[in-house]
Protein backbone atom coordinates (compact mmCIF):
# COMPACT_ATOMS: atom_id res chain seq x y z
CA MET A 1 63.21 190.31 81.99
CA ASN A 2 64.39 193.76 81.06
CA TRP A 3 62.09 196.57 79.59
CA ASP A 4 62.71 195.82 75.92
CA THR A 5 62.06 192.13 76.32
CA LYS A 6 58.89 192.78 78.28
CA GLU A 7 57.67 195.27 75.71
CA VAL A 8 58.14 192.86 72.87
CA SER A 9 56.26 190.17 74.75
CA LEU A 10 53.37 192.59 75.40
CA ILE A 11 53.26 193.58 71.71
CA VAL A 12 53.13 190.01 70.60
CA GLU A 13 50.41 189.05 73.08
CA SER A 14 48.25 191.94 71.95
CA ASN A 15 48.65 191.45 68.23
CA GLN A 16 46.87 188.42 66.85
CA ASN A 17 48.85 188.48 63.63
CA TYR A 18 52.26 188.52 65.46
CA TYR A 19 51.02 185.83 67.80
CA THR A 20 49.97 183.56 64.95
CA LYS A 21 53.26 183.99 63.04
CA LEU A 22 55.23 183.12 66.15
CA GLN A 23 53.05 180.22 66.95
CA GLU A 24 53.85 178.74 63.49
CA ALA A 25 57.56 179.02 64.36
CA ILE A 26 57.47 177.07 67.61
CA GLY A 27 60.00 174.36 67.42
CA ASN A 28 62.15 176.19 64.95
CA GLU A 29 64.14 178.64 67.11
CA LEU A 30 65.97 180.31 64.15
CA TYR A 31 62.74 180.89 62.34
CA PHE A 32 61.21 182.23 65.42
CA MET A 33 64.05 184.83 65.83
CA VAL A 34 63.68 185.94 62.28
CA ILE A 35 60.03 186.65 62.76
CA LEU A 36 60.76 188.33 66.05
CA TYR A 37 63.34 190.56 64.33
CA VAL A 38 60.69 191.56 61.75
CA ILE A 39 58.18 192.26 64.43
CA ILE A 40 60.62 194.61 66.27
CA GLU A 41 61.51 196.31 62.93
CA ASN A 42 57.76 196.82 62.17
CA GLU A 43 57.08 198.27 65.68
CA ASN A 44 60.11 200.62 65.43
CA GLU A 45 59.00 201.78 61.98
CA LYS A 46 55.49 202.58 63.28
CA GLU A 47 57.12 204.93 65.81
CA GLY A 48 59.34 206.53 63.30
CA ARG A 49 62.22 205.85 65.62
CA PRO A 50 63.72 202.94 67.41
CA ARG A 51 61.50 202.41 70.49
CA ILE A 52 62.70 198.91 71.18
CA ASP A 53 66.40 198.35 71.35
CA MET A 54 66.92 195.09 69.58
CA THR A 55 70.28 194.41 71.25
CA GLU A 56 68.52 194.46 74.63
CA VAL A 57 65.77 191.89 73.68
CA ASN A 58 66.52 188.51 75.08
CA GLY A 59 65.07 186.26 72.30
CA ASN A 60 65.42 183.16 74.46
CA GLU A 61 63.24 184.55 77.20
CA VAL A 62 60.66 185.74 74.62
CA TYR A 63 60.78 182.20 73.01
CA VAL A 64 60.25 180.35 76.30
CA SER A 65 57.59 182.54 77.68
CA PHE A 66 55.81 182.58 74.38
CA CYS A 67 55.85 178.77 74.02
CA GLU A 68 54.53 178.44 77.69
CA ALA A 69 51.76 180.91 76.90
CA ALA A 70 50.91 179.21 73.61
CA GLY A 71 50.57 175.80 75.46
CA ASN A 72 53.70 174.30 73.87
CA GLU A 73 56.39 174.48 76.47
CA GLN A 74 59.92 174.53 75.07
CA LYS A 75 63.21 174.87 76.80
CA GLY A 76 64.80 177.34 74.47
CA TRP A 77 68.44 177.25 73.55
CA LYS A 78 71.69 177.52 75.41
């Protein structure tokens, strides 16, 4: 996992609202990615500058690790 992907994962784990929103999207990968995009945008706006490079975030890695942590293991997409 690269830095941006790890950072997004840490942010999601530490924010109950983000965690809940993503948990609702388990099983719908496209919806999960939309929510993940919004989370990254929100975090970058808080900083006043892009802290997380969205092009470097591996959404599949975030999805799989999140699903495992949430107790609903998914394989992700190809």
